[in-house]
Amino acid sequence: MPEFDKNAAYIWACYLIGALMIGAACLQAWLAARAARKRLDALVANDEDLRA
């Protein structure tokens, strides 16, 4: 483990970059799930129109 006193700025920058990357991955997954839900709803609506 590095000495915190000498490398504090570097360690906090690593933590910040890691947190931002985790946040970006969560946002990307949420947006992909939302797009998939919209596509699924469109397919279900199209299927219901074909059956009617």
Protein backbone atom coordinates (compact mmCIF):
# COMPACT_ATOMS: atom_id res chain seq x y z
CA MET A 1 0.00 0.00 0.00
CA PRO A 2 1.49 3.37 -0.97
CA GLU A 3 2.09 6.04 1.62
CA PHE A 4 -1.00 8.20 1.68
CA ASP A 5 0.75 11.41 2.72
CA LYS A 6 3.02 11.48 -0.31
CA ASN A 7 0.53 10.27 -2.89
CA ALA A 8 -2.79 11.66 -1.64
CA ALA A 9 -3.67 13.53 -4.84
CA TYR A 10 -2.84 10.51 -7.00
CA ILE A 11 -4.86 8.14 -4.81
CA TRP A 12 -7.90 10.43 -4.77
CA ALA A 13 -7.64 10.86 -8.54
CA CYS A 14 -7.66 7.07 -8.96
CA TYR A 15 -10.70 6.78 -6.71
CA LEU A 16 -12.48 9.52 -8.65
CA ILE A 17 -11.69 7.98 -12.04
CA GLY A 18 -12.86 4.59 -10.79
CA ALA A 19 -16.11 6.03 -9.44
CA LEU A 20 -16.74 7.90 -12.71
CA MET A 21 -16.15 4.74 -14.75
CA ILE A 22 -18.53 2.73 -12.56
CA GLY A 23 -21.12 5.49 -12.90
CA ALA A 24 -20.68 5.58 -16.67
CA ALA A 25 -21.09 1.80 -16.89
CA CYS A 26 -24.30 1.97 -14.84
CA LEU A 27 -25.62 4.78 -17.02
CA GLN A 28 -24.80 2.85 -20.19
CA ALA A 29 -26.56 -0.27 -18.87
CA TRP A 30 -29.61 1.77 -17.86
CA LEU A 31 -29.83 3.43 -21.28
CA ALA A 32 -29.43 0.09 -23.08
CA ALA A 33 -32.16 -1.48 -20.94
CA ARG A 34 -34.47 1.46 -21.66
CA ALA A 35 -33.87 1.14 -25.41
CA ALA A 36 -34.46 -2.62 -25.25
CA ARG A 37 -37.73 -2.07 -23.37
CA LYS A 38 -38.91 0.37 -26.06
CA ARG A 39 -38.03 -2.12 -28.81
CA LEU A 40 -39.84 -4.89 -26.95
CA ASP A 41 -42.94 -2.74 -26.47
CA ALA A 42 -42.92 -1.90 -30.19
CA LEU A 43 -42.63 -5.58 -31.12
CA VAL A 44 -45.47 -6.54 -28.77
CA ALA A 45 -47.68 -3.77 -30.17
CA ASN A 46 -46.87 -4.90 -33.72
CA ASP A 47 -47.65 -8.52 -32.81
CA GLU A 48 -50.98 -7.50 -31.29
CA ASP A 49 -51.87 -5.55 -34.44
CA LEU A 50 -51.13 -8.59 -36.61
CA ARG A 51 -53.33 -10.85 -34.47
CA ALA A 52 -56.30 -8.46 -34.47
